[in-house]
Amino acid sequence: MKKYIAELIGTYALVFFGTGAIIVNDISNNSFDLTGIAIAFGLIVTVMIYTLGSISGAHINPAVSIAFYLKKEISLKRTLFYILFQITGAILASLTLKILFVNHQTLGMTLPSGTVVQSFIMELISTFFLMLVILGITEQKTIQIQSLAGIIIGATVTAMIFTAGPISGGSFNPARSIGPAIVAGNFQHLWLYILSPILGALVAVLLWKFLKAENEN
């Protein structure tokens, strides 16, 4: 149960501070714009990895949990409960933000700025590289590199939001999109932000397995 609660807390923090930054930016006339939003997401990911990584692995992302299940590192039961608690944390965070910013309509939800195809591809490619970085870092045997995992993964999220943010909203995480969508009552294009990150993460695992197998031979 401790692992599940850790995932709930981590995802709550991600959505509260990440989408919270979007909301505050909206109501303060773009006071820190995309740069501040990207940094907010990246920093909170970094902090949660270092805070909760030793307890649950700090997936805080259903796509990551599903990918680790495919990699046979966690059981189906743990995967399903991780996803349940991640989504619950995201919804609770969005509910908190709704109470704090009652007049804000979208609550930082992700919506395509360009075409649906653009956003789908952007989310898929971004999540692919995010998962590839996670796999590469978590399998490192040197303590020095492992100790930098939170910083590297957080920096990856920040960099990707700079590129994907203006097009797809920069989610890379089904829970991050589900929470605001449910509380705002706007499910437009939500399927995109569920399917695309999961596919991207799964492709990353398959490629990683291939690369590792080639390397071993």
N, C-alpha and C. Protein backbone atom coordinates (compact mmCIF):
# COMPACT_ATOMS: atom_id res chain seq x y z
N MET A 1 0.82 -1.22 0.00
CA MET A 1 0.00 0.00 0.00
C MET A 1 0.85 1.27 0.00
N LYS A 2 2.03 1.20 0.65
CA LYS A 2 2.90 2.38 0.70
C LYS A 2 3.33 2.81 -0.69
N LYS A 3 3.60 1.82 -1.55
CA LYS A 3 4.01 2.14 -2.92
C LYS A 3 2.88 2.86 -3.67
N TYR A 4 1.66 2.42 -3.46
CA TYR A 4 0.52 3.02 -4.16
C TYR A 4 0.28 4.45 -3.67
N ILE A 5 0.38 4.65 -2.37
CA ILE A 5 0.20 5.98 -1.80
C ILE A 5 1.30 6.92 -2.31
N ALA A 6 2.51 6.38 -2.44
CA ALA A 6 3.61 7.19 -2.97
C ALA A 6 3.31 7.65 -4.40
N GLU A 7 2.73 6.74 -5.20
CA GLU A 7 2.38 7.10 -6.57
C GLU A 7 1.27 8.16 -6.60
N LEU A 8 0.32 8.03 -5.69
CA LEU A 8 -0.74 9.02 -5.59
C LEU A 8 -0.17 10.39 -5.24
N ILE A 9 0.71 10.42 -4.23
CA ILE A 9 1.31 11.69 -3.80
C ILE A 9 2.14 12.30 -4.92
N GLY A 10 2.96 11.47 -5.56
CA GLY A 10 3.82 11.97 -6.62
C GLY A 10 3.04 12.55 -7.78
N THR A 11 1.97 11.86 -8.19
CA THR A 11 1.16 12.34 -9.31
C THR A 11 0.36 13.57 -8.91
N TYR A 12 -0.09 13.60 -7.66
CA TYR A 12 -0.77 14.80 -7.14
C TYR A 12 0.15 16.00 -7.26
N ALA A 13 1.39 15.84 -6.80
CA ALA A 13 2.34 16.95 -6.85
C ALA A 13 2.60 17.40 -8.28
N LEU A 14 2.77 16.42 -9.18
CA LEU A 14 3.02 16.74 -10.59
C LEU A 14 1.89 17.58 -11.17
N VAL A 15 0.67 17.15 -10.97
CA VAL A 15 -0.48 17.85 -11.55
C VAL A 15 -0.74 19.17 -10.83
N PHE A 16 -0.62 19.17 -9.50
CA PHE A 16 -0.90 20.40 -8.75
C PHE A 16 0.07 21.51 -9.13
N PHE A 17 1.37 21.21 -9.10
CA PHE A 17 2.35 22.25 -9.38
C PHE A 17 2.55 22.49 -10.88
N GLY A 18 2.42 21.44 -11.68
CA GLY A 18 2.59 21.59 -13.12
C GLY A 18 1.43 22.33 -13.77
N THR A 19 0.22 21.78 -13.61
CA THR A 19 -0.93 22.47 -14.20
C THR A 19 -1.27 23.73 -13.42
N GLY A 20 -0.88 23.73 -12.13
CA GLY A 20 -1.05 24.96 -11.35
C GLY A 20 -0.26 26.11 -11.94
N ALA A 21 0.94 25.80 -12.44
CA ALA A 21 1.75 26.83 -13.09
C ALA A 21 1.06 27.36 -14.34
N ILE A 22 0.38 26.47 -15.07
CA ILE A 22 -0.35 26.90 -16.27
C ILE A 22 -1.48 27.85 -15.87
N ILE A 23 -2.21 27.49 -14.83
CA ILE A 23 -3.34 28.32 -14.37
C ILE A 23 -2.86 29.68 -13.90
N VAL A 24 -1.82 29.69 -13.07
CA VAL A 24 -1.28 30.96 -12.56
C VAL A 24 -0.77 31.82 -13.71
N ASN A 25 -0.16 31.20 -14.69
CA ASN A 25 0.31 31.95 -15.86
C ASN A 25 -0.87 32.57 -16.60
N ASP A 26 -1.96 31.82 -16.71
CA ASP A 26 -3.15 32.33 -17.41
C ASP A 26 -3.74 33.54 -16.70
N ILE A 27 -3.83 33.47 -15.37
CA ILE A 27 -4.51 34.55 -14.64
C ILE A 27 -3.59 35.72 -14.33
N SER A 28 -2.30 35.56 -14.64
CA SER A 28 -1.36 36.65 -14.36
C SER A 28 -0.78 37.23 -15.66
N ASN A 29 -1.57 37.12 -16.73
CA ASN A 29 -1.20 37.70 -18.02
C ASN A 29 0.15 37.20 -18.52
N ASN A 30 0.30 35.87 -18.52
CA ASN A 30 1.52 35.23 -19.04
C ASN A 30 2.79 35.77 -18.38
N SER A 31 2.79 35.80 -17.06
CA SER A 31 3.91 36.37 -16.33
C SER A 31 5.20 35.58 -16.47
N PHE A 32 5.09 34.25 -16.68
CA PHE A 32 6.33 33.48 -16.88
C PHE A 32 6.26 32.58 -18.10
N ASP A 33 5.15 32.53 -18.78
CA ASP A 33 5.02 31.91 -20.11
C ASP A 33 5.51 30.46 -20.14
N LEU A 34 5.84 29.98 -21.33
CA LEU A 34 6.20 28.57 -21.53
C LEU A 34 7.44 28.18 -20.73
N THR A 35 8.39 29.09 -20.62
CA THR A 35 9.63 28.79 -19.89
C THR A 35 9.35 28.41 -18.46
N GLY A 36 8.55 29.20 -17.78
CA GLY A 36 8.23 28.92 -16.38
C GLY A 36 7.43 27.64 -16.22
N ILE A 37 6.52 27.39 -17.15
CA ILE A 37 5.71 26.17 -17.09
C ILE A 37 6.58 24.93 -17.28
N ALA A 38 7.47 24.98 -18.28
CA ALA A 38 8.36 23.85 -18.54
C ALA A 38 9.27 23.58 -17.35
N ILE A 39 9.80 24.63 -16.75
CA ILE A 39 10.67 24.48 -15.59
C ILE A 39 9.89 23.92 -14.40
N ALA A 40 8.66 24.38 -14.22
CA ALA A 40 7.83 23.89 -13.11
C ALA A 40 7.60 22.39 -13.22
N PHE A 41 7.25 21.92 -14.40
CA PHE A 41 7.04 20.48 -14.61
C PHE A 41 8.34 19.70 -14.40
N GLY A 42 9.41 20.20 -14.99
CA GLY A 42 10.69 19.50 -14.88
C GLY A 42 11.18 19.41 -13.45
N LEU A 43 11.05 20.50 -12.71
CA LEU A 43 11.53 20.53 -11.33
C LEU A 43 10.71 19.61 -10.42
N ILE A 44 9.39 19.61 -10.61
CA ILE A 44 8.57 18.78 -9.72
C ILE A 44 8.79 17.30 -10.02
N VAL A 45 9.04 16.95 -11.29
CA VAL A 45 9.40 15.57 -11.62
C VAL A 45 10.70 15.19 -10.93
N THR A 46 11.69 16.07 -11.01
CA THR A 46 12.98 15.83 -10.36
C THR A 46 12.83 15.61 -8.87
N VAL A 47 12.10 16.50 -8.23
CA VAL A 47 11.93 16.43 -6.77
C VAL A 47 11.20 15.16 -6.36
N MET A 48 10.16 14.78 -7.09
CA MET A 48 9.40 13.59 -6.74
C MET A 48 10.20 12.31 -6.94
N ILE A 49 11.07 12.29 -7.94
CA ILE A 49 11.93 11.11 -8.16
C ILE A 49 12.85 10.92 -6.97
N TYR A 50 13.47 12.00 -6.51
CA TYR A 50 14.37 11.90 -5.38
C TYR A 50 13.63 11.64 -4.06
N THR A 51 12.41 12.12 -3.97
CA THR A 51 11.63 11.95 -2.73
C THR A 51 11.00 10.57 -2.62
N LEU A 52 10.42 10.08 -3.73
CA LEU A 52 9.61 8.86 -3.69
C LEU A 52 10.20 7.69 -4.46
N GLY A 53 11.31 7.93 -5.15
CA GLY A 53 11.89 6.88 -5.98
C GLY A 53 12.24 5.62 -5.21
N SER A 54 12.72 5.77 -3.99
CA SER A 54 13.12 4.60 -3.19
C SER A 54 11.92 3.82 -2.68
N ILE A 55 10.73 4.40 -2.75
CA ILE A 55 9.52 3.73 -2.25
C ILE A 55 8.79 3.01 -3.38
N SER A 56 8.47 3.74 -4.43
CA SER A 56 7.66 3.16 -5.51
C SER A 56 8.35 3.15 -6.87
N GLY A 57 9.50 3.80 -6.96
CA GLY A 57 10.13 3.97 -8.26
C GLY A 57 9.74 5.29 -8.90
N ALA A 58 8.76 5.97 -8.29
CA ALA A 58 8.28 7.28 -8.77
C ALA A 58 7.96 7.26 -10.26
N HIS A 59 7.08 6.34 -10.64
CA HIS A 59 6.62 6.32 -12.04
C HIS A 59 5.80 7.58 -12.33
N ILE A 60 4.85 7.86 -11.45
CA ILE A 60 3.89 8.98 -11.55
C ILE A 60 3.38 9.19 -12.98
N ASN A 61 3.21 8.10 -13.70
CA ASN A 61 2.81 8.16 -15.10
C ASN A 61 2.35 6.76 -15.52
N PRO A 62 1.07 6.59 -15.87
CA PRO A 62 0.58 5.27 -16.30
C PRO A 62 1.35 4.68 -17.47
N ALA A 63 1.80 5.51 -18.40
CA ALA A 63 2.55 5.00 -19.55
C ALA A 63 3.85 4.36 -19.11
N VAL A 64 4.51 4.95 -18.11
CA VAL A 64 5.75 4.40 -17.58
C VAL A 64 5.48 3.08 -16.86
N SER A 65 4.41 3.03 -16.08
CA SER A 65 4.07 1.80 -15.37
C SER A 65 3.76 0.67 -16.34
N ILE A 66 3.01 0.97 -17.39
CA ILE A 66 2.68 -0.05 -18.39
C ILE A 66 3.94 -0.53 -19.09
N ALA A 67 4.84 0.39 -19.36
CA ALA A 67 6.10 0.02 -20.02
C ALA A 67 6.94 -0.90 -19.13
N PHE A 68 7.00 -0.61 -17.84
CA PHE A 68 7.75 -1.46 -16.93
C PHE A 68 7.08 -2.82 -16.75
N TYR A 69 5.76 -2.86 -16.90
CA TYR A 69 5.06 -4.15 -16.89
C TYR A 69 5.46 -4.97 -18.12
N LEU A 70 5.48 -4.31 -19.28
CA LEU A 70 5.89 -4.99 -20.51
C LEU A 70 7.33 -5.50 -20.38
N LYS A 71 8.14 -4.77 -19.66
CA LYS A 71 9.54 -5.15 -19.45
C LYS A 71 9.66 -6.22 -18.36
N LYS A 72 8.52 -6.58 -17.76
CA LYS A 72 8.43 -7.62 -16.74
C LYS A 72 9.18 -7.25 -15.45
N GLU A 73 9.15 -5.95 -15.14
CA GLU A 73 9.79 -5.50 -13.91
C GLU A 73 8.79 -5.31 -12.78
N ILE A 74 7.50 -5.17 -13.12
CA ILE A 74 6.46 -5.11 -12.10
C ILE A 74 5.31 -6.01 -12.53
N SER A 75 4.54 -6.46 -11.56
CA SER A 75 3.44 -7.39 -11.84
C SER A 75 2.23 -6.66 -12.42
N LEU A 76 1.30 -7.43 -12.98
CA LEU A 76 0.07 -6.85 -13.51
C LEU A 76 -0.72 -6.17 -12.40
N LYS A 77 -0.80 -6.82 -11.24
CA LYS A 77 -1.53 -6.24 -10.11
C LYS A 77 -0.96 -4.89 -9.72
N ARG A 78 0.37 -4.82 -9.59
CA ARG A 78 0.99 -3.55 -9.19
C ARG A 78 0.78 -2.50 -10.27
N THR A 79 0.85 -2.92 -11.52
CA THR A 79 0.65 -1.98 -12.62
C THR A 79 -0.74 -1.35 -12.56
N LEU A 80 -1.75 -2.19 -12.38
CA LEU A 80 -3.13 -1.70 -12.33
C LEU A 80 -3.36 -0.78 -11.14
N PHE A 81 -2.81 -1.14 -9.99
CA PHE A 81 -2.97 -0.30 -8.80
C PHE A 81 -2.17 1.00 -8.92
N TYR A 82 -0.99 0.92 -9.52
CA TYR A 82 -0.23 2.15 -9.77
C TYR A 82 -1.06 3.10 -10.61
N ILE A 83 -1.64 2.59 -11.69
CA ILE A 83 -2.43 3.43 -12.58
C ILE A 83 -3.63 4.02 -11.85
N LEU A 84 -4.31 3.20 -11.07
CA LEU A 84 -5.48 3.67 -10.31
C LEU A 84 -5.10 4.80 -9.37
N PHE A 85 -4.01 4.63 -8.63
CA PHE A 85 -3.61 5.64 -7.66
C PHE A 85 -3.02 6.87 -8.35
N GLN A 86 -2.36 6.69 -9.48
CA GLN A 86 -1.85 7.84 -10.24
C GLN A 86 -3.00 8.71 -10.74
N ILE A 87 -4.01 8.08 -11.31
CA ILE A 87 -5.16 8.84 -11.81
C ILE A 87 -5.91 9.50 -10.66
N THR A 88 -6.03 8.78 -9.54
CA THR A 88 -6.70 9.36 -8.36
C THR A 88 -5.94 10.59 -7.88
N GLY A 89 -4.62 10.50 -7.82
CA GLY A 89 -3.81 11.65 -7.41
C GLY A 89 -3.99 12.83 -8.35
N ALA A 90 -4.05 12.55 -9.65
CA ALA A 90 -4.23 13.61 -10.63
C ALA A 90 -5.60 14.29 -10.48
N ILE A 91 -6.63 13.49 -10.25
CA ILE A 91 -7.98 14.04 -10.07
C ILE A 91 -8.05 14.88 -8.81
N LEU A 92 -7.47 14.39 -7.72
CA LEU A 92 -7.48 15.14 -6.46
C LEU A 92 -6.75 16.47 -6.61
N ALA A 93 -5.64 16.45 -7.34
CA ALA A 93 -4.89 17.70 -7.56
C ALA A 93 -5.73 18.70 -8.35
N SER A 94 -6.41 18.21 -9.39
CA SER A 94 -7.25 19.09 -10.20
C SER A 94 -8.45 19.61 -9.42
N LEU A 95 -8.99 18.77 -8.53
CA LEU A 95 -10.08 19.23 -7.67
C LEU A 95 -9.60 20.34 -6.73
N THR A 96 -8.40 20.19 -6.20
CA THR A 96 -7.83 21.22 -5.34
C THR A 96 -7.66 22.53 -6.10
N LEU A 97 -7.15 22.42 -7.32
CA LEU A 97 -6.95 23.61 -8.14
C LEU A 97 -8.29 24.26 -8.52
N LYS A 98 -9.32 23.44 -8.71
CA LYS A 98 -10.64 23.97 -9.03
C LYS A 98 -11.18 24.77 -7.85
N ILE A 99 -10.92 24.31 -6.64
CA ILE A 99 -11.35 25.03 -5.44
C ILE A 99 -10.60 26.36 -5.32
N LEU A 100 -9.31 26.32 -5.63
CA LEU A 100 -8.49 27.52 -5.51
C LEU A 100 -8.76 28.52 -6.63
N PHE A 101 -9.03 28.02 -7.83
CA PHE A 101 -9.22 28.89 -8.99
C PHE A 101 -10.56 28.54 -9.64
N VAL A 102 -11.61 28.84 -8.95
CA VAL A 102 -12.94 28.37 -9.31
C VAL A 102 -13.39 28.88 -10.68
N ASN A 103 -12.89 30.02 -11.12
CA ASN A 103 -13.33 30.59 -12.39
C ASN A 103 -12.51 30.12 -13.59
N HIS A 104 -11.47 29.37 -13.32
CA HIS A 104 -10.65 28.89 -14.44
C HIS A 104 -11.34 27.70 -15.10
N GLN A 105 -11.50 27.75 -16.40
CA GLN A 105 -12.32 26.77 -17.10
C GLN A 105 -11.58 25.48 -17.45
N THR A 106 -10.33 25.57 -17.90
CA THR A 106 -9.65 24.38 -18.43
C THR A 106 -8.73 23.70 -17.42
N LEU A 107 -8.34 24.41 -16.35
CA LEU A 107 -7.51 23.83 -15.29
C LEU A 107 -6.20 23.22 -15.81
N GLY A 108 -5.65 23.82 -16.84
CA GLY A 108 -4.37 23.35 -17.37
C GLY A 108 -4.45 22.08 -18.17
N MET A 109 -5.62 21.75 -18.66
CA MET A 109 -5.77 20.51 -19.43
C MET A 109 -5.05 20.62 -20.77
N THR A 110 -4.75 19.48 -21.36
CA THR A 110 -4.03 19.45 -22.62
C THR A 110 -5.01 19.38 -23.79
N LEU A 111 -4.80 20.28 -24.75
CA LEU A 111 -5.61 20.32 -25.97
C LEU A 111 -4.68 20.63 -27.14
N PRO A 112 -4.93 20.03 -28.30
CA PRO A 112 -4.08 20.30 -29.46
C PRO A 112 -4.18 21.76 -29.91
N SER A 113 -3.04 22.37 -30.16
CA SER A 113 -3.04 23.72 -30.74
C SER A 113 -3.01 23.63 -32.26
N GLY A 114 -2.39 22.58 -32.76
CA GLY A 114 -2.38 22.33 -34.20
C GLY A 114 -3.41 21.28 -34.54
N THR A 115 -3.06 20.39 -35.47
CA THR A 115 -3.97 19.32 -35.83
C THR A 115 -3.84 18.17 -34.83
N VAL A 116 -4.84 17.30 -34.83
CA VAL A 116 -4.82 16.13 -33.95
C VAL A 116 -3.64 15.23 -34.31
N VAL A 117 -3.39 15.09 -35.60
CA VAL A 117 -2.27 14.25 -36.05
C VAL A 117 -0.94 14.80 -35.54
N GLN A 118 -0.75 16.12 -35.62
CA GLN A 118 0.47 16.73 -35.10
C GLN A 118 0.65 16.42 -33.63
N SER A 119 -0.40 16.60 -32.86
CA SER A 119 -0.32 16.38 -31.42
C SER A 119 -0.09 14.91 -31.09
N PHE A 120 -0.75 14.02 -31.83
CA PHE A 120 -0.59 12.59 -31.58
C PHE A 120 0.87 12.18 -31.81
N ILE A 121 1.43 12.62 -32.92
CA ILE A 121 2.82 12.27 -33.23
C ILE A 121 3.78 12.91 -32.24
N MET A 122 3.52 14.15 -31.87
CA MET A 122 4.38 14.85 -30.92
C MET A 122 4.39 14.16 -29.57
N GLU A 123 3.22 13.76 -29.09
CA GLU A 123 3.13 13.07 -27.81
C GLU A 123 3.79 11.69 -27.87
N LEU A 124 3.60 11.00 -28.98
CA LEU A 124 4.18 9.67 -29.13
C LEU A 124 5.71 9.73 -29.14
N ILE A 125 6.26 10.62 -29.96
CA ILE A 125 7.71 10.73 -30.07
C ILE A 125 8.32 11.21 -28.75
N SER A 126 7.68 12.19 -28.13
CA SER A 126 8.21 12.73 -26.87
C SER A 126 8.22 11.67 -25.78
N THR A 127 7.12 10.92 -25.65
CA THR A 127 7.06 9.88 -24.62
C THR A 127 8.04 8.76 -24.93
N PHE A 128 8.23 8.48 -26.20
CA PHE A 128 9.22 7.48 -26.61
C PHE A 128 10.60 7.85 -26.07
N PHE A 129 11.02 9.08 -26.28
CA PHE A 129 12.34 9.49 -25.82
C PHE A 129 12.40 9.62 -24.30
N LEU A 130 11.31 10.04 -23.69
CA LEU A 130 11.27 10.09 -22.22
C LEU A 130 11.47 8.70 -21.64
N MET A 131 10.76 7.72 -22.18
CA MET A 131 10.87 6.35 -21.69
C MET A 131 12.25 5.79 -21.98
N LEU A 132 12.81 6.13 -23.12
CA LEU A 132 14.15 5.66 -23.47
C LEU A 132 15.18 6.19 -22.47
N VAL A 133 15.03 7.44 -22.09
CA VAL A 133 15.93 8.03 -21.09
C VAL A 133 15.75 7.32 -19.75
N ILE A 134 14.51 7.06 -19.35
CA ILE A 134 14.23 6.38 -18.08
C ILE A 134 14.87 5.00 -18.07
N LEU A 135 14.71 4.27 -19.16
CA LEU A 135 15.28 2.93 -19.24
C LEU A 135 16.81 2.98 -19.19
N GLY A 136 17.38 3.92 -19.93
CA GLY A 136 18.83 4.04 -19.95
C GLY A 136 19.41 4.39 -18.59
N ILE A 137 18.74 5.29 -17.88
CA ILE A 137 19.23 5.72 -16.57
C ILE A 137 19.05 4.65 -15.52
N THR A 138 17.88 4.01 -15.51
CA THR A 138 17.60 3.03 -14.46
C THR A 138 18.43 1.76 -14.59
N GLU A 139 18.96 1.50 -15.77
CA GLU A 139 19.79 0.31 -15.94
C GLU A 139 21.29 0.59 -15.82
N GLN A 140 21.62 1.85 -15.56
CA GLN A 140 23.03 2.18 -15.36
C GLN A 140 23.55 1.53 -14.08
N LYS A 141 24.76 1.00 -14.15
CA LYS A 141 25.33 0.31 -12.99
C LYS A 141 26.19 1.23 -12.13
N THR A 142 26.56 2.39 -12.66
CA THR A 142 27.40 3.30 -11.88
C THR A 142 26.56 4.17 -10.96
N ILE A 143 26.97 4.25 -9.72
CA ILE A 143 26.22 5.01 -8.72
C ILE A 143 26.15 6.48 -9.09
N GLN A 144 27.22 7.00 -9.69
CA GLN A 144 27.25 8.42 -10.04
C GLN A 144 26.13 8.79 -11.00
N ILE A 145 25.93 7.96 -12.03
CA ILE A 145 24.87 8.25 -13.01
C ILE A 145 23.50 8.01 -12.39
N GLN A 146 23.35 6.95 -11.60
CA GLN A 146 22.07 6.68 -10.95
C GLN A 146 21.67 7.84 -10.04
N SER A 147 22.65 8.45 -9.39
CA SER A 147 22.37 9.55 -8.48
C SER A 147 21.88 10.80 -9.22
N LEU A 148 22.12 10.84 -10.52
CA LEU A 148 21.67 11.97 -11.33
C LEU A 148 20.35 11.70 -12.04
N ALA A 149 19.74 10.55 -11.76
CA ALA A 149 18.52 10.13 -12.48
C ALA A 149 17.43 11.20 -12.44
N GLY A 150 17.15 11.72 -11.28
CA GLY A 150 16.08 12.71 -11.15
C GLY A 150 16.35 13.95 -11.97
N ILE A 151 17.59 14.41 -11.94
CA ILE A 151 17.96 15.61 -12.69
C ILE A 151 17.85 15.37 -14.19
N ILE A 152 18.35 14.22 -14.65
CA ILE A 152 18.32 13.92 -16.08
C ILE A 152 16.90 13.76 -16.59
N ILE A 153 16.08 13.03 -15.86
CA ILE A 153 14.69 12.82 -16.29
C ILE A 153 13.90 14.12 -16.23
N GLY A 154 14.10 14.90 -15.17
CA GLY A 154 13.42 16.19 -15.06
C GLY A 154 13.82 17.14 -16.17
N ALA A 155 15.12 17.14 -16.51
CA ALA A 155 15.61 18.00 -17.60
C ALA A 155 15.02 17.56 -18.93
N THR A 156 14.84 16.25 -19.10
CA THR A 156 14.24 15.73 -20.33
C THR A 156 12.81 16.22 -20.48
N VAL A 157 12.04 16.16 -19.39
CA VAL A 157 10.67 16.66 -19.40
C VAL A 157 10.63 18.15 -19.75
N THR A 158 11.51 18.91 -19.13
CA THR A 158 11.57 20.36 -19.40
C THR A 158 11.86 20.63 -20.86
N ALA A 159 12.86 19.96 -21.41
CA ALA A 159 13.24 20.16 -22.80
C ALA A 159 12.10 19.81 -23.75
N MET A 160 11.40 18.71 -23.46
CA MET A 160 10.33 18.27 -24.35
C MET A 160 9.14 19.23 -24.33
N ILE A 161 8.86 19.83 -23.17
CA ILE A 161 7.75 20.77 -23.09
C ILE A 161 8.02 22.01 -23.92
N PHE A 162 9.29 22.43 -24.00
CA PHE A 162 9.62 23.57 -24.85
C PHE A 162 9.22 23.31 -26.30
N THR A 163 9.37 22.07 -26.75
CA THR A 163 9.03 21.73 -28.13
C THR A 163 7.57 21.34 -28.29
N ALA A 164 7.10 20.45 -27.43
CA ALA A 164 5.75 19.91 -27.58
C ALA A 164 4.67 20.81 -27.01
N GLY A 165 5.01 21.60 -26.00
CA GLY A 165 4.02 22.43 -25.33
C GLY A 165 3.16 23.27 -26.25
N PRO A 166 3.76 24.02 -27.17
CA PRO A 166 2.95 24.88 -28.05
C PRO A 166 2.10 24.11 -29.06
N ILE A 167 2.41 22.82 -29.26
CA ILE A 167 1.67 22.02 -30.25
C ILE A 167 0.61 21.14 -29.59
N SER A 168 1.05 20.30 -28.65
CA SER A 168 0.14 19.32 -28.05
C SER A 168 -0.22 19.64 -26.59
N GLY A 169 0.48 20.58 -26.00
CA GLY A 169 0.29 20.86 -24.58
C GLY A 169 1.37 20.22 -23.74
N GLY A 170 2.11 19.27 -24.33
CA GLY A 170 3.22 18.63 -23.62
C GLY A 170 2.81 17.81 -22.42
N SER A 171 2.06 16.75 -22.65
CA SER A 171 1.59 15.90 -21.55
C SER A 171 2.55 14.75 -21.27
N PHE A 172 2.70 13.84 -22.23
CA PHE A 172 3.53 12.64 -22.10
C PHE A 172 3.09 11.75 -20.94
N ASN A 173 1.88 11.95 -20.46
CA ASN A 173 1.45 11.30 -19.23
C ASN A 173 -0.08 11.26 -19.19
N PRO A 174 -0.70 10.08 -19.38
CA PRO A 174 -2.16 10.00 -19.36
C PRO A 174 -2.81 10.57 -18.10
N ALA A 175 -2.23 10.30 -16.93
CA ALA A 175 -2.82 10.80 -15.69
C ALA A 175 -2.82 12.31 -15.64
N ARG A 176 -1.74 12.93 -16.11
CA ARG A 176 -1.64 14.39 -16.11
C ARG A 176 -2.76 15.02 -16.95
N SER A 177 -3.19 14.32 -18.01
CA SER A 177 -4.27 14.84 -18.86
C SER A 177 -5.65 14.44 -18.35
N ILE A 178 -5.75 13.25 -17.76
CA ILE A 178 -7.05 12.76 -17.29
C ILE A 178 -7.58 13.60 -16.13
N GLY A 179 -6.72 13.95 -15.18
CA GLY A 179 -7.16 14.70 -14.00
C GLY A 179 -7.87 15.99 -14.35
N PRO A 180 -7.21 16.92 -15.06
CA PRO A 180 -7.88 18.17 -15.42
C PRO A 180 -9.09 17.97 -16.31
N ALA A 181 -9.05 16.98 -17.21
CA ALA A 181 -10.18 16.75 -18.12
C ALA A 181 -11.42 16.34 -17.35
N ILE A 182 -11.26 15.45 -16.38
CA ILE A 182 -12.42 14.99 -15.60
C ILE A 182 -13.00 16.12 -14.76
N VAL A 183 -12.15 16.86 -14.08
CA VAL A 183 -12.65 17.93 -13.20
C VAL A 183 -13.23 19.09 -14.02
N ALA A 184 -12.62 19.38 -15.16
CA ALA A 184 -13.14 20.45 -16.02
C ALA A 184 -14.35 20.00 -16.83
N GLY A 185 -14.55 18.68 -16.92
CA GLY A 185 -15.68 18.14 -17.68
C GLY A 185 -15.52 18.30 -19.17
N ASN A 186 -14.27 18.29 -19.62
CA ASN A 186 -13.98 18.45 -21.04
C ASN A 186 -13.13 17.27 -21.50
N PHE A 187 -13.76 16.37 -22.25
CA PHE A 187 -13.07 15.14 -22.67
C PHE A 187 -12.63 15.18 -24.14
N GLN A 188 -12.66 16.37 -24.71
CA GLN A 188 -12.29 16.52 -26.11
C GLN A 188 -10.83 16.12 -26.31
N HIS A 189 -10.60 15.20 -27.19
CA HIS A 189 -9.26 14.72 -27.54
C HIS A 189 -8.53 14.00 -26.40
N LEU A 190 -9.24 13.66 -25.34
CA LEU A 190 -8.57 12.99 -24.21
C LEU A 190 -7.98 11.66 -24.64
N TRP A 191 -8.66 10.97 -25.57
CA TRP A 191 -8.16 9.68 -26.05
C TRP A 191 -6.72 9.81 -26.57
N LEU A 192 -6.44 10.93 -27.21
CA LEU A 192 -5.11 11.17 -27.78
C LEU A 192 -4.05 11.13 -26.69
N TYR A 193 -4.34 11.77 -25.56
CA TYR A 193 -3.36 11.89 -24.47
C TYR A 193 -3.29 10.64 -23.60
N ILE A 194 -4.17 9.69 -23.87
CA ILE A 194 -4.08 8.39 -23.22
C ILE A 194 -3.34 7.41 -24.12
N LEU A 195 -3.78 7.33 -25.38
CA LEU A 195 -3.23 6.34 -26.31
C LEU A 195 -1.81 6.65 -26.76
N SER A 196 -1.56 7.89 -27.15
CA SER A 196 -0.27 8.23 -27.74
C SER A 196 0.91 8.04 -26.78
N PRO A 197 0.84 8.52 -25.52
CA PRO A 197 1.96 8.28 -24.60
C PRO A 197 2.19 6.80 -24.32
N ILE A 198 1.12 6.03 -24.20
CA ILE A 198 1.27 4.60 -23.94
C ILE A 198 1.97 3.92 -25.11
N LEU A 199 1.56 4.24 -26.33
CA LEU A 199 2.20 3.67 -27.51
C LEU A 199 3.68 4.07 -27.57
N GLY A 200 3.97 5.33 -27.29
CA GLY A 200 5.34 5.80 -27.31
C GLY A 200 6.22 5.07 -26.31
N ALA A 201 5.69 4.87 -25.10
CA ALA A 201 6.45 4.16 -24.07
C ALA A 201 6.66 2.70 -24.44
N LEU A 202 5.65 2.07 -25.01
CA LEU A 202 5.76 0.66 -25.39
C LEU A 202 6.78 0.47 -26.52
N VAL A 203 6.78 1.37 -27.49
CA VAL A 203 7.77 1.30 -28.57
C VAL A 203 9.18 1.45 -28.00
N ALA A 204 9.33 2.32 -27.02
CA ALA A 204 10.64 2.53 -26.39
C ALA A 204 11.14 1.25 -25.73
N VAL A 205 10.24 0.54 -25.04
CA VAL A 205 10.63 -0.72 -24.38
C VAL A 205 11.03 -1.76 -25.41
N LEU A 206 10.25 -1.87 -26.47
CA LEU A 206 10.57 -2.86 -27.51
C LEU A 206 11.92 -2.56 -28.16
N LEU A 207 12.17 -1.30 -28.45
CA LEU A 207 13.45 -0.93 -29.05
C LEU A 207 14.59 -1.17 -28.07
N TRP A 208 14.35 -0.85 -26.79
CA TRP A 208 15.39 -1.04 -25.78
C TRP A 208 15.76 -2.52 -25.65
N LYS A 209 14.75 -3.38 -25.68
CA LYS A 209 15.02 -4.82 -25.62
C LYS A 209 15.85 -5.26 -26.80
N PHE A 210 15.54 -4.72 -27.98
CA PHE A 210 16.29 -5.06 -29.18
C PHE A 210 17.74 -4.58 -29.07
N LEU A 211 17.92 -3.35 -28.63
CA LEU A 211 19.26 -2.79 -28.50
C LEU A 211 20.09 -3.55 -27.47
N LYS A 212 19.47 -3.92 -26.36
CA LYS A 212 20.18 -4.66 -25.32
C LYS A 212 20.58 -6.06 -25.82
N ALA A 213 19.66 -6.67 -26.57
CA ALA A 213 19.93 -8.01 -27.10
C ALA A 213 21.08 -7.97 -28.10
N GLU A 214 21.09 -6.94 -28.95
CA GLU A 214 22.17 -6.77 -29.93
C GLU A 214 23.49 -6.53 -29.22
N ASN A 215 23.45 -5.75 -28.15
CA ASN A 215 24.65 -5.40 -27.42
C ASN A 215 25.26 -6.63 -26.73
N GLU A 216 24.38 -7.50 -26.23
CA GLU A 216 24.84 -8.70 -25.54
C GLU A 216 25.45 -9.69 -26.52
N ASN A 217 24.99 -9.68 -27.77
CA ASN A 217 25.54 -10.58 -28.78
C ASN A 217 26.83 -10.02 -29.37
